[in-house]
Amino acid sequence: MDKNNLFRSIPKVDLLLEREEILSLIQDYGLSYVTDQVREVVEEIREEIKAYPESEGIDGFEDRILKKIERIEDLVMERVEEGLDLKLRPLLNGTGTILHTNLGRAPLSHKISTELATLLSSYSNLEYNLEEGKRGERYSHMKEMLCKITGAEDAMVVNNNASSVLLILSTLAKGGEVIVSRGELIEIGGKFRIPDVCAQSDAEMVEIGTTNKTHLSDYQEAITENTKAFLKVHTSNYRIMGFTESVEAKDLKALSLEHNIPIIEDLGSGVLLPLEKYGIRHEPMVQEAIESGVDVVCFSGDKLLGGPQAGIIIGKKKYIDAMKKNPLTRALRIDKFTVAALSMTLREYLHMEGIEERIPVLKMLSETAPSIKERAERLYDLFRKNHIQGECSIRPCESQVGGGSLPDTFMESYALCFHPRQISVSELEKRLHFTKEPLIGRVMEDDFWIDLRTIREEELERVVESFQEALE
């Protein structure tokens, strides 16, 4: 095999740029970008030739290279289009985990998404007071709703709940001591730990009690002249059971008032309505924290509330005002996307009747197992109608909330279980990740499981399309 002949067969970059197909690409995507892609394709072919050992002989290699060179315009076109594909893509969640952190947590409703597109494609009064004709405050778009829903005096929002805790402690406890129970020294995703955020805020954490038991007297005995706050942290991503005791905020209030020490509570998931009506155990509600006398409460926007990623802070006006003046607020502030999406989500909580149909997370939490089974049967029928090659069955399974919320809560559900005929289950799973609309599910018992709790009715046809593409 003469490698030099192969190298000479590769068209020069400047000549390729003059070909009709490439000129069309340049017209659509620009000279600089297309030239880069042409160079990359040419260099890859050259490197492939260089890497092939002379001792191996021809063995069809020369023909393969020549065929590549013949269709080099197609290779450039594919490279141009691949380079412009967005890395962030919509996908189908067949895992049964409602708040899947890796999959973006809470999805927004189609109604909100449509409104967002209209609002964000124009200028807006993000920080402009239309009534007074002067600069306004971005928190004003949500403050009234948050106060009405929760009963708080004031409210503000930052970019996530970890930011909320950092801002609160940096404002109210900087240079002082914060008393917190050892049973509430949580860690969430990304190794975010309460002791670390205390240190970052320049507040000294004072640990009291033990992992399983903390008494009111522990708080009393830990108070010094340098105590700036009591910190309560809801253990939303785990539970301590058995021989346990903790101090509720309402029981801490008298001590708080006696010593003029504010109570801060991180509720994590942000529940705004009773979950018991969905057959789920009680989760502390934001309204209950305010009613019990907590001075500052923070929680997430993209968990059980069902909105965008945000850290919501509510409580006494004097503390919220102080936080707004903290230089950190500028670094942690939310943008117009979050302001719009959160405002639209909170609006749904102003009238609770039928809210499950308007907030996707609540719809998935509240749906009954029989209803999910009916959807699984419709998907099963679509698989048969479209002749998807493999063995299908419908089996009961368990869904979970996820996102660090309700860790011990599992809900009855149904899955379509599929076993391909021509390829392995692991190969099917891999291929489904690279379809036009990737499908993420679970592999169990040598089958691919699609939990229908997290697959909407309008997504059934798209699930079939992903399978058709993966099994081609």
Protein backbone atom coordinates (compact mmCIF):
# COMPACT_ATOMS: atom_id res chain seq x y z
CA MET A 1 0.00 0.00 0.00
CA ASP A 2 1.41 3.40 -1.00
CA LYS A 3 0.37 5.89 1.66
CA ASN A 4 1.73 8.77 -0.40
CA ASN A 5 -0.85 8.08 -3.12
CA LEU A 6 -3.59 8.22 -0.49
CA PHE A 7 -2.30 11.52 0.88
CA ARG A 8 -2.22 12.95 -2.66
CA SER A 9 -5.83 11.86 -3.18
CA ILE A 10 -7.06 14.14 -0.41
CA PRO A 11 -8.32 17.44 -1.93
CA LYS A 12 -6.63 20.63 -0.73
CA VAL A 13 -8.61 22.79 1.64
CA ASP A 14 -8.75 25.80 -0.71
CA LEU A 15 -10.06 23.62 -3.54
CA LEU A 16 -12.70 22.06 -1.30
CA LEU A 17 -13.91 25.53 -0.34
CA GLU A 18 -14.67 26.19 -4.00
CA ARG A 19 -16.93 23.16 -4.45
CA GLU A 20 -20.64 23.83 -4.87
CA GLU A 21 -21.76 21.90 -1.78
CA ILE A 22 -19.21 23.65 0.43
CA LEU A 23 -20.03 27.09 -1.02
CA SER A 24 -23.66 26.46 -0.03
CA LEU A 25 -22.56 25.71 3.52
CA ILE A 26 -20.45 28.89 3.59
CA GLN A 27 -23.47 30.90 2.54
CA ASP A 28 -25.51 29.46 5.42
CA TYR A 29 -22.88 29.23 8.16
CA GLY A 30 -20.05 31.59 7.23
CA LEU A 31 -16.57 31.15 5.77
CA SER A 32 -14.59 30.97 9.01
CA TYR A 33 -16.72 28.27 10.66
CA VAL A 34 -16.99 26.07 7.54
CA THR A 35 -13.25 26.40 6.83
CA ASP A 36 -12.48 25.11 10.34
CA GLN A 37 -14.70 22.08 9.78
CA VAL A 38 -13.13 21.33 6.38
CA ARG A 39 -9.66 21.44 7.91
CA GLU A 40 -10.71 19.11 10.73
CA VAL A 41 -12.18 16.53 8.34
CA VAL A 42 -9.09 16.63 6.08
CA GLU A 43 -6.77 16.32 9.08
CA GLU A 44 -8.71 13.35 10.49
CA ILE A 45 -8.36 11.47 7.16
CA ARG A 46 -4.64 12.26 7.09
CA GLU A 47 -4.20 11.05 10.67
CA GLU A 48 -6.12 7.86 9.89
CA ILE A 49 -3.73 7.13 7.01
CA LYS A 50 -0.68 7.90 9.17
CA ALA A 51 -1.84 5.61 11.96
CA TYR A 52 -2.41 2.55 9.76
CA PRO A 53 0.61 0.18 10.05
CA GLU A 54 2.42 -0.56 6.78
CA SER A 55 2.91 -4.16 7.89
CA GLU A 56 -0.83 -4.80 7.98
CA GLY A 57 -1.15 -4.70 4.21
CA ILE A 58 -4.11 -3.28 2.34
CA ASP A 59 -6.94 -5.44 3.75
CA GLY A 60 -9.62 -3.08 2.36
CA PHE A 61 -8.14 -0.07 4.13
CA GLU A 62 -7.24 1.75 0.92
CA ASP A 63 -10.78 1.33 -0.43
CA ARG A 64 -12.26 2.66 2.82
CA ILE A 65 -10.07 5.77 2.70
CA LEU A 66 -10.86 6.43 -0.96
CA LYS A 67 -14.59 6.12 -0.26
CA LYS A 68 -14.21 8.67 2.55
CA ILE A 69 -12.43 11.02 0.19
CA GLU A 70 -15.20 10.55 -2.41
CA ARG A 71 -17.83 11.64 0.09
CA ILE A 72 -15.73 14.30 1.82
CA GLU A 73 -18.38 16.98 1.17
CA ASP A 74 -20.92 14.85 3.08
CA LEU A 75 -18.46 14.43 5.95
CA VAL A 76 -17.97 18.19 6.11
CA MET A 77 -21.72 18.77 6.06
CA GLU A 78 -22.22 16.30 8.93
CA ARG A 79 -19.43 17.96 10.90
CA VAL A 80 -20.90 21.43 10.35
CA GLU A 81 -24.33 20.33 11.62
CA GLU A 82 -22.93 18.37 14.57
CA GLY A 83 -20.91 21.38 15.66
CA LEU A 84 -24.05 23.49 15.87
CA ASP A 85 -26.07 20.98 17.88
CA LEU A 86 -26.91 22.24 21.38
CA LYS A 87 -25.38 20.18 24.16
CA LEU A 88 -28.43 20.79 26.36
CA ARG A 89 -31.32 18.83 24.90
CA PRO A 90 -34.87 17.83 25.84
CA LEU A 91 -35.28 14.16 26.71
CA LEU A 92 -37.80 11.62 27.94
CA ASN A 93 -37.67 10.67 31.61
CA GLY A 94 -38.67 7.03 32.04
CA THR A 95 -36.86 6.59 35.37
CA GLY A 96 -39.89 7.23 37.59
CA THR A 97 -37.87 9.78 39.58
CA ILE A 98 -39.95 12.94 39.49
CA LEU A 99 -37.31 15.45 40.63
CA HIS A 100 -34.32 13.91 38.89
CA THR A 101 -31.43 16.30 39.60
CA ASN A 102 -29.40 15.04 36.63
CA LEU A 103 -32.39 15.57 34.33
CA GLY A 104 -33.18 19.14 35.39
CA ARG A 105 -35.58 18.52 38.30
CA ALA A 106 -39.02 20.13 37.95
CA PRO A 107 -40.34 20.50 34.38
CA LEU A 108 -42.48 23.55 33.69
CA SER A 109 -45.95 23.31 32.18
CA HIS A 110 -46.56 23.93 28.48
CA LYS A 111 -48.65 26.97 29.40
CA ILE A 112 -45.80 28.55 31.36
CA SER A 113 -43.25 27.61 28.69
CA THR A 114 -45.36 29.32 26.01
CA GLU A 115 -45.78 32.45 28.13
CA LEU A 116 -42.05 32.48 28.82
CA ALA A 117 -41.21 32.40 25.13
CA THR A 118 -43.43 35.43 24.51
CA LEU A 119 -42.10 37.40 27.47
CA LEU A 120 -38.42 36.62 26.94
CA SER A 121 -38.44 37.50 23.25
CA SER A 122 -39.17 41.11 24.18
CA TYR A 123 -37.97 43.76 26.61
CA SER A 124 -39.71 43.72 29.99
CA ASN A 125 -40.16 45.77 33.12
CA LEU A 126 -37.70 43.57 35.03
CA GLU A 127 -36.38 46.50 37.08
CA TYR A 128 -38.67 49.28 35.96
CA ASN A 129 -41.63 50.60 37.95
CA LEU A 130 -44.28 51.39 35.33
CA GLU A 131 -46.50 53.26 37.80
CA GLU A 132 -43.77 55.63 38.97
CA GLY A 133 -41.80 55.73 35.74
CA LYS A 134 -38.46 54.98 37.39
CA ARG A 135 -36.17 52.12 38.36
CA GLY A 136 -37.91 49.33 40.23
CA GLU A 137 -36.95 46.13 42.05
CA ARG A 138 -36.87 42.70 40.41
CA TYR A 139 -38.17 41.06 43.61
CA SER A 140 -41.38 43.09 43.32
CA HIS A 141 -42.72 40.70 40.68
CA MET A 142 -42.85 37.87 43.23
CA LYS A 143 -42.94 39.52 46.64
CA GLU A 144 -46.69 40.09 46.84
CA MET A 145 -47.51 36.55 45.74
CA LEU A 146 -45.00 34.95 48.11
CA CYS A 147 -46.27 36.99 51.05
CA LYS A 148 -49.89 36.20 50.23
CA ILE A 149 -49.23 32.46 49.84
CA THR A 150 -46.97 32.04 52.90
CA GLY A 151 -48.10 34.78 55.29
CA ALA A 152 -44.59 36.28 55.47
CA GLU A 153 -43.87 40.01 55.83
CA ASP A 154 -41.37 40.20 53.00
CA ALA A 155 -39.59 38.08 50.40
CA MET A 156 -36.66 37.96 48.01
CA VAL A 157 -35.16 35.36 45.67
CA VAL A 158 -31.58 34.31 44.82
CA ASN A 159 -30.23 31.74 42.36
CA ASN A 160 -30.56 28.58 44.50
CA ASN A 161 -31.20 27.48 48.06
CA ALA A 162 -27.52 27.01 48.88
CA SER A 163 -27.12 30.70 48.01
CA SER A 164 -30.05 31.49 50.31
CA VAL A 165 -28.34 29.93 53.31
CA LEU A 166 -25.04 31.65 52.49
CA LEU A 167 -26.69 35.06 52.12
CA ILE A 168 -28.80 34.71 55.28
CA LEU A 169 -25.87 33.69 57.49
CA SER A 170 -23.54 36.25 55.93
CA THR A 171 -26.08 38.97 56.72
CA LEU A 172 -27.43 37.94 60.11
CA ALA A 173 -24.56 36.02 61.69
CA LYS A 174 -21.28 37.27 60.22
CA GLY A 175 -18.61 37.45 62.90
CA GLY A 176 -20.89 35.80 65.42
CA GLU A 177 -22.08 32.35 66.48
CA VAL A 178 -24.85 30.24 64.99
CA ILE A 179 -26.34 27.47 67.11
CA VAL A 180 -27.35 24.32 65.19
CA SER A 181 -28.22 20.76 66.19
CA ARG A 182 -25.75 18.01 65.24
CA GLY A 183 -28.71 16.05 63.86
CA GLU A 184 -29.24 18.80 61.25
CA LEU A 185 -25.69 19.18 59.89
CA ILE A 186 -26.75 18.01 56.47
CA GLU A 187 -24.86 17.47 53.24
CA ILE A 188 -26.64 17.81 49.90
CA GLY A 189 -25.42 17.21 46.35
CA GLY A 190 -21.99 18.45 45.34
CA LYS A 191 -20.67 18.13 48.92
CA PHE A 192 -22.55 21.26 50.03
CA ARG A 193 -22.40 21.02 53.82
CA ILE A 194 -23.92 23.25 56.49
CA PRO A 195 -20.60 23.55 58.42
CA ASP A 196 -18.84 24.67 55.24
CA VAL A 197 -21.41 27.32 54.36
CA CYS A 198 -21.24 28.63 57.94
CA ALA A 199 -17.49 29.00 57.61
CA GLN A 200 -17.86 30.69 54.21
CA SER A 201 -20.30 33.22 55.68
CA ASP A 202 -17.77 34.08 58.42
CA ALA A 203 -20.11 32.78 61.10
CA GLU A 204 -18.91 30.37 63.78
CA MET A 205 -21.06 27.27 64.04
CA VAL A 206 -21.85 26.01 67.54
CA GLU A 207 -22.90 22.36 67.48
CA ILE A 208 -25.32 21.15 70.15
CA GLY A 209 -26.94 17.84 71.09
CA THR A 210 -26.13 14.56 69.42
CA THR A 211 -26.95 13.04 66.04
CA ASN A 212 -30.19 11.52 67.30
CA LYS A 213 -31.19 13.75 70.24
CA THR A 214 -31.21 17.50 70.82
CA HIS A 215 -33.11 19.14 73.69
CA LEU A 216 -34.30 22.71 74.30
CA SER A 217 -31.83 22.91 77.17
CA ASP A 218 -28.99 22.34 74.68
CA TYR A 219 -29.95 25.58 72.91
CA GLN A 220 -30.29 27.41 76.23
CA GLU A 221 -26.87 26.34 77.48
CA ALA A 222 -25.12 27.26 74.21
CA ILE A 223 -26.25 30.91 74.17
CA THR A 224 -23.48 33.47 74.67
CA GLU A 225 -23.26 37.22 74.16
CA ASN A 226 -21.93 36.48 70.68
CA THR A 227 -24.88 34.29 69.56
CA LYS A 228 -26.40 35.80 66.42
CA ALA A 229 -28.92 33.14 65.32
CA PHE A 230 -30.53 29.75 65.82
CA LEU A 231 -30.34 27.67 62.62
CA LYS A 232 -32.86 24.93 61.94
CA VAL A 233 -32.28 22.69 58.93
CA HIS A 234 -34.95 20.30 57.67
CA THR A 235 -33.42 16.92 56.87
CA SER A 236 -35.26 16.65 53.57
CA ASN A 237 -32.85 14.14 51.98
CA TYR A 238 -32.65 11.62 54.85
CA ARG A 239 -34.47 10.57 58.02
CA ILE A 240 -33.22 9.67 61.48
CA MET A 241 -35.57 7.13 63.05
CA GLY A 242 -35.83 5.33 66.35
CA PHE A 243 -34.59 6.83 69.63
CA THR A 244 -34.70 10.48 68.51
CA GLU A 245 -35.71 13.92 69.71
CA SER A 246 -35.46 17.36 68.16
CA VAL A 247 -36.67 20.85 68.99
CA GLU A 248 -39.31 22.33 66.70
CA ALA A 249 -39.12 26.00 65.80
CA LYS A 250 -42.34 26.75 67.69
CA ASP A 251 -40.77 25.34 70.86
CA LEU A 252 -37.67 27.45 70.29
CA LYS A 253 -39.60 30.71 69.86
CA ALA A 254 -39.84 31.66 73.53
CA LEU A 255 -36.07 31.34 73.90
CA SER A 256 -35.63 33.34 70.71
CA LEU A 257 -37.76 36.20 72.02
CA GLU A 258 -36.16 36.17 75.47
CA HIS A 259 -32.66 36.61 74.08
CA ASN A 260 -33.56 38.52 70.87
CA ILE A 261 -31.99 35.81 68.70
CA PRO A 262 -33.64 35.23 65.29
CA ILE A 263 -34.61 31.74 64.15
CA ILE A 264 -33.51 30.78 60.64
CA GLU A 265 -35.00 27.67 59.04
CA ASP A 266 -33.82 25.99 55.85
CA LEU A 267 -36.77 23.91 54.64
CA GLY A 268 -35.03 22.61 51.53
CA SER A 269 -37.83 21.32 49.30
CA GLY A 270 -40.36 24.13 49.68
CA VAL A 271 -43.80 22.56 50.17
CA LEU A 272 -46.69 25.00 49.79
CA LEU A 273 -49.62 22.59 50.16
CA PRO A 274 -50.37 19.49 52.27
CA LEU A 275 -49.01 16.34 50.64
CA GLU A 276 -51.22 14.05 52.71
CA LYS A 277 -54.03 14.41 50.17
CA TYR A 278 -51.78 12.56 47.72
CA GLY A 279 -51.18 9.73 50.18
CA ILE A 280 -47.71 11.05 51.05
CA ARG A 281 -46.56 11.56 54.62
CA HIS A 282 -46.61 15.10 56.00
CA GLU A 283 -43.74 17.31 54.93
CA PRO A 284 -43.24 20.62 56.80
CA MET A 285 -44.96 23.41 54.88
CA VAL A 286 -43.51 26.87 54.42
CA GLN A 287 -46.68 28.43 55.85
CA GLU A 288 -46.28 26.34 59.03
CA ALA A 289 -42.77 27.69 59.58
CA ILE A 290 -43.99 31.29 59.35
CA GLU A 291 -46.93 30.53 61.67
CA SER A 292 -44.59 28.98 64.24
CA GLY A 293 -42.61 32.21 64.48
CA VAL A 294 -39.54 31.50 62.34
CA ASP A 295 -37.94 34.83 61.46
CA VAL A 296 -36.34 33.82 58.15
CA VAL A 297 -37.27 30.79 56.02
CA CYS A 298 -35.57 29.61 52.83
CA PHE A 299 -36.44 26.86 50.34
CA SER A 300 -35.93 25.72 46.75
CA GLY A 301 -37.98 26.74 43.75
CA ASP A 302 -37.34 23.68 41.57
CA LYS A 303 -38.27 20.87 43.94
CA LEU A 304 -41.73 20.23 45.38
CA LEU A 305 -42.81 23.76 44.52
CA GLY A 306 -42.48 22.77 40.86
CA GLY A 307 -40.82 25.89 39.43
CA PRO A 308 -37.37 26.95 38.15
CA GLN A 309 -34.12 26.71 40.10
CA ALA A 310 -34.21 29.46 42.73
CA GLY A 311 -33.54 30.08 46.40
CA ILE A 312 -36.61 31.71 47.96
CA ILE A 313 -36.17 33.71 51.19
CA ILE A 314 -39.15 34.91 53.19
CA GLY A 315 -39.61 36.31 56.69
CA LYS A 316 -39.43 39.48 58.78
CA LYS A 317 -39.02 42.63 56.72
CA LYS A 318 -36.11 44.00 58.75
CA TYR A 319 -34.04 40.88 58.01
CA ILE A 320 -34.98 40.78 54.31
CA ASP A 321 -34.09 44.48 53.99
CA ALA A 322 -30.67 43.80 55.51
CA MET A 323 -30.07 40.97 53.03
CA LYS A 324 -30.96 43.18 50.08
CA LYS A 325 -28.16 45.54 51.13
CA ASN A 326 -25.59 42.75 51.39
CA PRO A 327 -23.01 42.94 48.53
CA LEU A 328 -23.48 39.18 48.03
CA THR A 329 -27.03 39.81 46.82
CA ARG A 330 -25.73 41.30 43.59
CA ALA A 331 -23.63 38.19 42.92
CA LEU A 332 -26.47 35.81 43.76
CA ARG A 333 -29.36 37.60 42.09
CA ILE A 334 -31.70 35.90 39.66
CA ASP A 335 -32.11 36.84 36.01
CA LYS A 336 -35.24 37.61 33.98
CA PHE A 337 -35.71 33.93 33.04
CA THR A 338 -36.05 32.90 36.68
CA VAL A 339 -38.14 35.94 37.63
CA ALA A 340 -40.61 35.14 34.86
CA ALA A 341 -40.80 31.37 35.39
CA LEU A 342 -41.07 31.62 39.17
CA SER A 343 -43.72 34.34 39.00
CA MET A 344 -45.81 32.23 36.62
CA THR A 345 -45.44 29.17 38.86
CA LEU A 346 -46.37 31.06 42.05
CA ARG A 347 -49.42 32.50 40.31
CA GLU A 348 -50.84 28.97 40.14
CA TYR A 349 -50.69 28.70 43.95
CA LEU A 350 -52.99 31.71 44.38
CA HIS A 351 -55.92 29.42 43.52
CA MET A 352 -55.30 25.88 44.74
CA GLU A 353 -58.32 24.16 43.20
CA GLY A 354 -57.16 21.93 40.36
CA ILE A 355 -53.52 22.94 40.79
CA GLU A 356 -52.40 19.36 40.12
CA GLU A 357 -53.38 19.81 36.48
CA ARG A 358 -51.33 23.00 36.19
CA ILE A 359 -48.06 22.06 37.94
CA PRO A 360 -46.39 18.98 36.35
CA VAL A 361 -44.61 17.92 39.56
CA LEU A 362 -47.87 17.91 41.51
CA LYS A 363 -49.60 16.01 38.70
CA MET A 364 -46.96 13.28 38.85
CA LEU A 365 -47.09 13.17 42.66
CA SER A 366 -50.88 12.90 42.75
CA GLU A 367 -51.55 10.46 39.89
CA THR A 368 -52.96 7.10 40.97
CA ALA A 369 -51.44 3.74 40.04
CA PRO A 370 -54.51 2.65 37.99
CA SER A 371 -54.26 5.81 35.88
CA ILE A 372 -50.55 5.16 35.25
CA LYS A 373 -51.32 1.55 34.31
CA GLU A 374 -53.79 2.72 31.66
CA ARG A 375 -51.06 4.89 30.11
CA ALA A 376 -48.64 1.96 30.21
CA GLU A 377 -51.22 -0.13 28.34
CA ARG A 378 -51.55 2.58 25.68
CA LEU A 379 -47.78 2.58 25.23
CA TYR A 380 -47.83 -1.23 25.02
CA ASP A 381 -50.44 -1.03 22.24
CA LEU A 382 -48.33 1.53 20.38
CA PHE A 383 -45.31 -0.80 20.56
CA ARG A 384 -47.38 -3.63 19.03
CA LYS A 385 -48.98 -1.36 16.41
CA ASN A 386 -45.56 -0.09 15.30
CA HIS A 387 -44.00 -3.58 15.35
CA ILE A 388 -41.22 -2.72 17.80
CA GLN A 389 -39.05 -5.85 17.72
CA GLY A 390 -38.80 -7.27 21.21
CA GLU A 391 -40.70 -8.71 24.15
CA CYS A 392 -43.00 -6.29 26.02
CA SER A 393 -44.76 -6.59 29.35
CA ILE A 394 -46.37 -4.27 31.88
CA ARG A 395 -45.23 -4.70 35.48
CA PRO A 396 -45.83 -2.90 38.78
CA CYS A 397 -42.92 -0.82 40.06
CA GLU A 398 -42.16 2.00 42.49
CA SER A 399 -41.54 5.65 41.65
CA GLN A 400 -39.73 8.11 43.90
CA VAL A 401 -39.77 11.87 44.39
CA GLY A 402 -36.01 12.44 44.13
CA GLY A 403 -34.16 15.76 44.25
CA GLY A 404 -33.31 15.28 47.91
CA SER A 405 -37.01 15.29 48.82
CA LEU A 406 -38.99 12.64 50.75
CA PRO A 407 -36.16 10.06 50.67
CA ASP A 408 -38.25 7.28 52.20
CA THR A 409 -41.35 7.83 50.07
CA PHE A 410 -42.12 5.44 47.22
CA MET A 411 -45.27 5.47 45.12
CA GLU A 412 -46.98 2.60 43.35
CA SER A 413 -46.53 2.81 39.60
CA TYR A 414 -46.38 0.76 36.41
CA ALA A 415 -43.63 0.29 33.85
CA LEU A 416 -43.43 -0.99 30.34
CA CYS A 417 -40.61 -3.56 30.37
CA PHE A 418 -38.88 -4.30 27.08
CA HIS A 419 -36.36 -6.94 26.02
CA PRO A 420 -34.87 -6.47 22.51
CA ARG A 421 -34.43 -9.44 20.16
CA GLN A 422 -31.38 -8.44 18.14
CA ILE A 423 -29.20 -6.56 20.65
CA SER A 424 -28.47 -6.66 24.38
CA VAL A 425 -30.39 -4.56 26.90
CA SER A 426 -27.25 -2.58 27.74
CA GLU A 427 -26.71 -1.82 24.04
CA LEU A 428 -30.34 -0.69 23.75
CA GLU A 429 -29.91 1.61 26.75
CA LYS A 430 -26.82 3.14 25.17
CA ARG A 431 -28.49 3.64 21.79
CA LEU A 432 -31.52 5.30 23.39
CA HIS A 433 -29.18 7.96 24.76
CA PHE A 434 -28.22 8.96 21.21
CA THR A 435 -31.63 9.15 19.56
CA LYS A 436 -33.17 12.39 18.35
CA GLU A 437 -34.98 12.67 21.69
CA PRO A 438 -32.95 10.62 24.20
CA LEU A 439 -34.88 8.30 26.51
CA ILE A 440 -33.56 7.59 30.00
CA GLY A 441 -34.95 4.57 31.83
CA ARG A 442 -33.82 1.78 34.16
CA VAL A 443 -32.24 -1.59 33.44
CA MET A 444 -33.54 -4.27 35.81
CA GLU A 445 -33.96 -8.04 35.55
CA ASP A 446 -32.36 -7.94 32.08
CA ASP A 447 -35.12 -5.69 30.75
CA PHE A 448 -35.35 -1.99 29.96
CA TRP A 449 -37.99 -0.42 32.26
CA ILE A 450 -39.94 2.74 31.41
CA ASP A 451 -41.81 4.02 34.47
CA LEU A 452 -44.91 5.74 33.11
CA ARG A 453 -45.32 8.07 36.10
CA THR A 454 -42.76 10.40 34.54
CA ILE A 455 -43.88 9.96 30.92
CA ARG A 456 -46.73 12.25 29.88
CA GLU A 457 -49.55 11.21 27.54
CA GLU A 458 -48.28 13.46 24.75
CA GLU A 459 -44.84 11.80 24.99
CA LEU A 460 -45.98 8.24 24.21
CA GLU A 461 -45.55 8.55 20.45
CA ARG A 462 -42.08 10.06 21.01
CA VAL A 463 -41.07 7.09 23.17
CA VAL A 464 -41.98 4.81 20.26
CA GLU A 465 -39.99 6.98 17.84
CA SER A 466 -36.92 6.78 20.08
CA PHE A 467 -37.18 2.98 20.17
CA GLN A 468 -37.61 2.80 16.39
CA GLU A 469 -34.47 4.88 15.90
CA ALA A 470 -32.48 2.87 18.47
CA LEU A 471 -33.45 -0.47 16.93
CA GLU A 472 -32.77 0.47 13.28
